[in-house]
Amino acid sequence: MTTTMSVRPQPTEYAPYYERYVSLVPDGPIVEVLRSQITDTLRLLRALPESRGEHRYAPGKWSVKEVVGHVIDGERVFSYRALRFGRNDPTPLPGFDEKVYAPAGGFGARTLASPLDELEAVRRATLSLFQGFPSEAWSRAGVASENPVSVRGLAYIIAGHERHHRSVLAERYLA
């Protein structure tokens, strides 16, 4: 594993909004963080009975299944950005509106196990992508959502985004 994977991104490598996620990521090789955290998240969520999949902690909030769907969608978008920038494609990429994606995902019509299996598959693909990057790709950057972001920054955003939503699930949905 290259040392590049162990270097935390600088604040200039992502938009200030994402500090809330990046700050949640523990030190260490980011690929190992991504690998270990999915195990913890899936263990937590696979222990839930199917009946909890539609639970919402308040009216108008996403269900457990929709939160998981949002994490999946976010990881796919952030990974795609990393792919483009890691392959040296500087084309600016648009943002995405999670408030549109979540309901359009149809997660409520699925069993709870279905998005959990999808989350695991998406993470395996994310791990393969990041493991395959040569050292120089980690510092490559582009513009997404009108903000500069590096491949390294995106890896940390993915890890922090999942960690954030796992905490929200544990505190507001599963408590």
Protein backbone atom coordinates (compact mmCIF):
# COMPACT_ATOMS: atom_id res chain seq x y z
CA MET A 1 0.00 0.00 0.00
CA THR A 2 1.46 3.36 -0.93
CA THR A 3 2.03 6.09 1.62
CA THR A 4 -0.22 8.34 -0.47
CA MET A 5 -3.21 6.38 0.83
CA SER A 6 -2.23 7.25 4.41
CA VAL A 7 -1.99 11.02 3.87
CA ARG A 8 -5.04 12.96 4.99
CA PRO A 9 -6.34 15.45 2.45
CA GLN A 10 -5.65 19.12 3.04
CA PRO A 11 -8.68 21.42 3.44
CA THR A 12 -7.94 22.76 -0.05
CA GLU A 13 -8.67 19.28 -1.48
CA TYR A 14 -12.43 19.48 -0.84
CA ALA A 15 -15.18 22.04 -0.32
CA PRO A 16 -15.53 23.39 3.25
CA TYR A 17 -18.95 21.69 3.51
CA TYR A 18 -17.25 18.28 3.46
CA GLU A 19 -15.10 18.97 6.51
CA ARG A 20 -18.02 17.64 8.55
CA TYR A 21 -17.37 14.24 6.95
CA VAL A 22 -13.59 14.29 6.53
CA SER A 23 -13.13 15.15 10.21
CA LEU A 24 -14.91 11.90 11.18
CA VAL A 25 -12.39 9.68 9.41
CA PRO A 26 -9.75 8.10 11.67
CA ASP A 27 -6.08 8.21 10.77
CA GLY A 28 -4.61 5.35 8.81
CA PRO A 29 -4.62 4.05 5.27
CA ILE A 30 -7.94 5.19 3.83
CA VAL A 31 -8.54 1.97 1.90
CA GLU A 32 -8.30 0.02 5.16
CA VAL A 33 -10.67 2.49 6.83
CA LEU A 34 -13.18 1.99 4.00
CA ARG A 35 -12.81 -1.79 4.24
CA SER A 36 -13.27 -2.02 8.02
CA GLN A 37 -16.07 0.50 8.38
CA ILE A 38 -18.43 -1.29 6.00
CA THR A 39 -18.21 -4.37 8.20
CA ASP A 40 -19.32 -2.34 11.22
CA THR A 41 -22.14 -0.64 9.34
CA LEU A 42 -23.50 -3.86 7.87
CA ARG A 43 -23.28 -5.63 11.24
CA LEU A 44 -25.35 -2.84 12.82
CA LEU A 45 -27.99 -2.77 10.08
CA ARG A 46 -28.28 -6.49 9.38
CA ALA A 47 -29.25 -7.00 13.01
CA LEU A 48 -32.45 -5.01 12.40
CA PRO A 49 -35.73 -6.80 11.81
CA GLU A 50 -37.38 -6.14 8.46
CA SER A 51 -40.12 -4.16 10.25
CA ARG A 52 -37.58 -1.44 11.15
CA GLY A 53 -36.71 -0.73 7.51
CA GLU A 54 -39.55 1.76 7.15
CA HIS A 55 -38.93 3.41 10.53
CA ARG A 56 -38.60 7.21 10.51
CA TYR A 57 -37.53 9.04 13.63
CA ALA A 58 -39.81 11.98 12.76
CA PRO A 59 -42.45 12.84 10.15
CA GLY A 60 -40.90 13.87 6.85
CA LYS A 61 -37.56 12.18 7.58
CA TRP A 62 -36.14 9.38 5.49
CA SER A 63 -36.76 5.78 6.48
CA VAL A 64 -33.89 3.49 7.44
CA LYS A 65 -33.98 2.03 3.92
CA GLU A 66 -33.89 5.51 2.37
CA VAL A 67 -30.92 6.54 4.50
CA VAL A 68 -29.06 3.43 3.33
CA GLY A 69 -30.11 4.26 -0.25
CA HIS A 70 -28.75 7.78 0.19
CA VAL A 71 -25.39 6.41 1.37
CA ILE A 72 -25.32 4.12 -1.69
CA ASP A 73 -26.14 6.98 -4.06
CA GLY A 74 -23.57 9.27 -2.47
CA GLU A 75 -20.85 6.64 -2.65
CA ARG A 76 -21.58 5.97 -6.30
CA VAL A 77 -21.46 9.67 -7.19
CA PHE A 78 -18.28 10.33 -5.18
CA SER A 79 -16.61 7.22 -6.63
CA TYR A 80 -17.51 8.27 -10.16
CA ARG A 81 -15.94 11.64 -9.51
CA ALA A 82 -12.81 9.89 -8.20
CA LEU A 83 -12.72 7.70 -11.32
CA ARG A 84 -12.92 10.70 -13.64
CA PHE A 85 -10.34 12.77 -11.80
CA GLY A 86 -8.09 9.80 -11.04
CA ARG A 87 -7.97 9.02 -14.76
CA ASN A 88 -6.89 12.63 -15.37
CA ASP A 89 -10.22 13.82 -16.79
CA PRO A 90 -10.59 17.47 -15.74
CA THR A 91 -14.16 17.86 -17.01
CA PRO A 92 -16.18 19.71 -14.35
CA LEU A 93 -18.92 17.49 -12.91
CA PRO A 94 -22.35 18.63 -11.73
CA GLY A 95 -23.74 18.22 -8.24
CA PHE A 96 -26.56 15.89 -7.33
CA ASP A 97 -29.66 16.52 -5.30
CA GLU A 98 -30.11 13.85 -2.64
CA LYS A 99 -33.62 15.12 -1.96
CA VAL A 100 -34.54 14.03 -5.50
CA TYR A 101 -32.47 10.84 -5.57
CA ALA A 102 -33.73 9.28 -2.31
CA PRO A 103 -37.45 9.16 -3.12
CA ALA A 104 -36.75 8.25 -6.76
CA GLY A 105 -34.68 5.26 -5.59
CA GLY A 106 -37.79 3.31 -4.60
CA PHE A 107 -36.10 1.96 -1.49
CA GLY A 108 -39.41 1.68 0.38
CA ALA A 109 -40.59 -1.00 -2.04
CA ARG A 110 -37.56 -3.17 -1.34
CA THR A 111 -36.77 -5.46 1.55
CA LEU A 112 -34.26 -4.10 4.05
CA ALA A 113 -31.78 -6.79 3.00
CA SER A 114 -31.82 -5.55 -0.60
CA PRO A 115 -30.22 -2.10 -0.10
CA LEU A 116 -27.85 -3.60 2.48
CA ASP A 117 -26.61 -6.09 -0.10
CA GLU A 118 -26.32 -3.26 -2.61
CA LEU A 119 -24.34 -1.16 -0.13
CA GLU A 120 -21.90 -4.03 0.33
CA ALA A 121 -21.52 -4.47 -3.44
CA VAL A 122 -20.99 -0.75 -3.99
CA ARG A 123 -18.33 -0.66 -1.29
CA ARG A 124 -16.53 -3.63 -2.86
CA ALA A 125 -16.47 -1.70 -6.15
CA THR A 126 -15.25 1.43 -4.37
CA LEU A 127 -12.45 -0.52 -2.73
CA SER A 128 -11.40 -2.01 -6.07
CA LEU A 129 -11.34 1.44 -7.65
CA PHE A 130 -9.23 3.06 -4.95
CA GLN A 131 -6.89 0.08 -4.60
CA GLY A 132 -6.19 0.29 -8.32
CA PHE A 133 -5.16 3.93 -8.37
CA PRO A 134 -1.46 4.55 -8.89
CA SER A 135 0.18 6.84 -6.32
CA GLU A 136 0.02 9.89 -8.55
CA ALA A 137 -3.75 9.58 -9.02
CA TRP A 138 -4.47 10.31 -5.35
CA SER A 139 -3.48 13.95 -5.69
CA ARG A 140 -5.25 14.51 -9.01
CA ALA A 141 -8.21 16.81 -8.73
CA GLY A 142 -11.09 18.29 -10.64
CA VAL A 143 -14.18 20.36 -10.06
CA ALA A 144 -17.42 18.83 -8.83
CA SER A 145 -20.44 20.80 -7.67
CA GLU A 146 -18.49 23.93 -8.60
CA ASN A 147 -15.74 23.13 -6.06
CA PRO A 148 -12.26 21.67 -6.40
CA VAL A 149 -11.85 18.16 -5.00
CA SER A 150 -9.02 15.63 -5.12
CA VAL A 151 -9.23 11.87 -5.44
CA ARG A 152 -7.84 11.61 -1.89
CA GLY A 153 -10.48 14.08 -0.70
CA LEU A 154 -13.21 11.98 -2.31
CA ALA A 155 -12.00 8.82 -0.57
CA TYR A 156 -12.23 10.60 2.78
CA ILE A 157 -15.62 12.10 1.91
CA ILE A 158 -16.97 8.61 1.14
CA ALA A 159 -15.68 7.24 4.45
CA GLY A 160 -16.89 10.23 6.46
CA HIS A 161 -20.29 10.32 4.77
CA GLU A 162 -20.94 6.70 5.68
CA ARG A 163 -19.66 7.25 9.22
CA HIS A 164 -21.93 10.29 9.63
CA HIS A 165 -25.03 8.42 8.50
CA ARG A 166 -24.19 5.34 10.57
CA SER A 167 -24.10 7.65 13.62
CA VAL A 168 -27.42 9.23 12.64
CA LEU A 169 -28.96 5.77 12.24
CA ALA A 170 -27.61 4.58 15.60
CA GLU A 171 -28.66 7.73 17.48
CA ARG A 172 -32.01 8.61 15.90
CA TYR A 173 -33.34 5.45 14.30
CA LEU A 174 -32.08 2.57 16.38
CA ALA A 175 -31.94 4.02 19.88
